[in-house]
C-alpha atoms as a PDB file:
ATOM      1  CA  MET A   1     104.753  84.044 119.052  1.00  0.00           C
ATOM      2  CA  LYS A   2     103.297  81.796 116.318  1.00  0.00           C
ATOM      3  CA  VAL A   3     101.154  83.566 113.741  1.00  0.00           C
ATOM      4  CA  ALA A   4      99.038  82.085 110.951  1.00  0.00           C
ATOM      5  CA  VAL A   5      97.925  84.446 108.203  1.00  0.00           C
ATOM      6  CA  LEU A   6      94.715  83.738 106.334  1.00  0.00           C
ATOM      7  CA  GLY A   7      94.424  85.537 103.017  1.00  0.00           C
ATOM      8  CA  SER A   8      96.522  85.999  99.916  1.00  0.00           C
ATOM      9  CA  GLY A   9      95.874  89.554  98.823  1.00  0.00           C
ATOM     10  CA  ASN A  10      98.099  92.591  99.025  1.00  0.00           C
ATOM     11  CA  VAL A  11      97.365  93.248 102.713  1.00  0.00           C
ATOM     12  CA  ALA A  12      98.295  89.679 103.659  1.00  0.00           C
ATOM     13  CA  ILE A  13     101.507  89.811 101.639  1.00  0.00           C
ATOM     14  CA  GLN A  14     102.564  93.145 103.142  1.00  0.00           C
ATOM     15  CA  LEU A  15     101.893  91.901 106.690  1.00  0.00           C
ATOM     16  CA  LEU A  16     103.773  88.664 106.043  1.00  0.00           C
ATOM     17  CA  SER A  17     106.755  90.618 104.739  1.00  0.00           C
ATOM     18  CA  VAL A  18     106.856  92.767 107.886  1.00  0.00           C
ATOM     19  CA  PHE A  19     106.338  89.795 110.230  1.00  0.00           C
ATOM     20  CA  LYS A  20     109.123  87.840 108.496  1.00  0.00           C
ATOM     21  CA  LYS A  21     111.616  90.511 109.595  1.00  0.00           C
ATOM     22  CA  GLN A  22     110.616  90.277 113.265  1.00  0.00           C
ATOM     23  CA  PRO A  23     112.643  87.628 115.130  1.00  0.00           C
ATOM     24  CA  GLN A  24     110.019  87.228 117.855  1.00  0.00           C
ATOM     25  CA  ILE A  25     107.322  86.277 115.311  1.00  0.00           C
ATOM     26  CA  ILE A  26     107.188  82.812 113.785  1.00  0.00           C
ATOM     27  CA  ILE A  27     104.889  82.561 110.787  1.00  0.00           C
ATOM     28  CA  SER A  28     103.526  79.060 111.140  1.00  0.00           C
ATOM     29  CA  GLN A  29     101.268  78.934 108.080  1.00  0.00           C
ATOM     30  CA  TRP A  30      99.759  80.959 105.289  1.00  0.00           C
ATOM     31  CA  TYR A  31      96.250  80.071 104.117  1.00  0.00           C
ATOM     32  CA  SER A  32      95.081  80.797 100.583  1.00  0.00           C
ATOM     33  CA  ARG A  33      91.925  79.420  98.999  1.00  0.00           C
ATOM     34  CA  SER A  34      93.670  79.155  95.640  1.00  0.00           C
ATOM     35  CA  PRO A  35      97.226  78.306  94.529  1.00  0.00           C
ATOM     36  CA  LEU A  36      99.646  81.195  94.559  1.00  0.00           C
ATOM     37  CA  THR A  37     103.244  81.995  93.793  1.00  0.00           C
ATOM     38  CA  PRO A  38     104.640  83.794  96.832  1.00  0.00           C
ATOM     39  CA  PRO A  39     107.227  86.553  96.610  1.00  0.00           C
ATOM     40  CA  THR A  40     110.745  85.152  96.961  1.00  0.00           C
ATOM     41  CA  GLU A  41     111.195  86.391 100.548  1.00  0.00           C
ATOM     42  CA  LEU A  42     108.092  84.421 101.592  1.00  0.00           C
ATOM     43  CA  ASN A  43     108.983  81.103  99.911  1.00  0.00           C
ATOM     44  CA  GLU A  44     109.837  79.400 103.209  1.00  0.00           C
ATOM     45  CA  ILE A  45     106.361  79.808 104.687  1.00  0.00           C
ATOM     46  CA  GLU A  46     104.106  76.749 104.593  1.00  0.00           C
ATOM     47  CA  ILE A  47     101.136  77.520 102.355  1.00  0.00           C
ATOM     48  CA  ILE A  48      97.906  75.610 102.903  1.00  0.00           C
ATOM     49  CA  HIS A  49      94.689  75.620 100.879  1.00  0.00           C
ATOM     50  CA  GLN A  50      92.270  73.888 103.239  1.00  0.00           C
ATOM     51  CA  LEU A  51      91.197  75.174 106.642  1.00  0.00           C
ATOM     52  CA  GLU A  52      91.357  71.658 108.049  1.00  0.00           C
ATOM     53  CA  GLN A  53      95.142  71.873 107.616  1.00  0.00           C
ATOM     54  CA  LEU A  54      95.458  74.810 110.033  1.00  0.00           C
ATOM     55  CA  ALA A  55      97.873  74.054 112.832  1.00  0.00           C
ATOM     56  CA  PRO A  56      97.645  75.605 116.303  1.00  0.00           C
ATOM     57  CA  ALA A  57      98.939  79.185 116.488  1.00  0.00           C
ATOM     58  CA  ASP A  58      98.911  81.949 119.056  1.00  0.00           C
ATOM     59  CA  VAL A  59      97.325  84.401 116.606  1.00  0.00           C
ATOM     60  CA  TYR A  60      95.277  83.897 113.456  1.00  0.00           C
ATOM     61  CA  LEU A  61      95.434  87.047 111.349  1.00  0.00           C
ATOM     62  CA  LEU A  62      92.472  87.345 108.969  1.00  0.00           C
ATOM     63  CA  ALA A  63      93.400  89.420 105.915  1.00  0.00           C
ATOM     64  CA  LEU A  64      90.357  88.556 103.822  1.00  0.00           C
ATOM     65  CA  THR A  65      87.565  90.124 101.830  1.00  0.00           C
ATOM     66  CA  ASP A  66      84.271  90.650 103.651  1.00  0.00           C
ATOM     67  CA  THR A  67      82.687  87.769 101.739  1.00  0.00           C
ATOM     68  CA  ALA A  68      85.500  85.359 102.569  1.00  0.00           C
ATOM     69  CA  LEU A  69      85.493  86.517 106.179  1.00  0.00           C
ATOM     70  CA  SER A  70      81.843  85.631 106.654  1.00  0.00           C
ATOM     71  CA  SER A  71      82.297  82.092 105.307  1.00  0.00           C
ATOM     72  CA  LEU A  72      85.481  81.633 107.321  1.00  0.00           C
ATOM     73  CA  SER A  73      83.807  82.743 110.529  1.00  0.00           C
ATOM     74  CA  ASN A  74      81.417  79.799 110.152  1.00  0.00           C
ATOM     75  CA  TYR A  75      84.411  77.449 110.171  1.00  0.00           C
ATOM     76  CA  PHE A  76      85.818  78.905 113.408  1.00  0.00           C
ATOM     77  CA  GLN A  77      82.430  78.917 115.125  1.00  0.00           C
ATOM     78  CA  LYS A  78      82.230  75.138 114.651  1.00  0.00           C
ATOM     79  CA  LYS A  79      85.588  74.647 116.406  1.00  0.00           C
END
């Protein structure tokens, strides 16, 4: 299963770390609005900073603040 994670806070990082250990989960992309330095174990994940760069995935996991979630929902409604 391909998973894209949107968010760069502690919840997103913890989920990415757990997903990375699961062989049946492929983390396709990691979206962050701003540049970040990922933990070493997450270096291999493609990090994007623009929603237009999102590739198709089976699941989009939204690990965002309420404010960011509301603006992001507008993007997905247009798709």
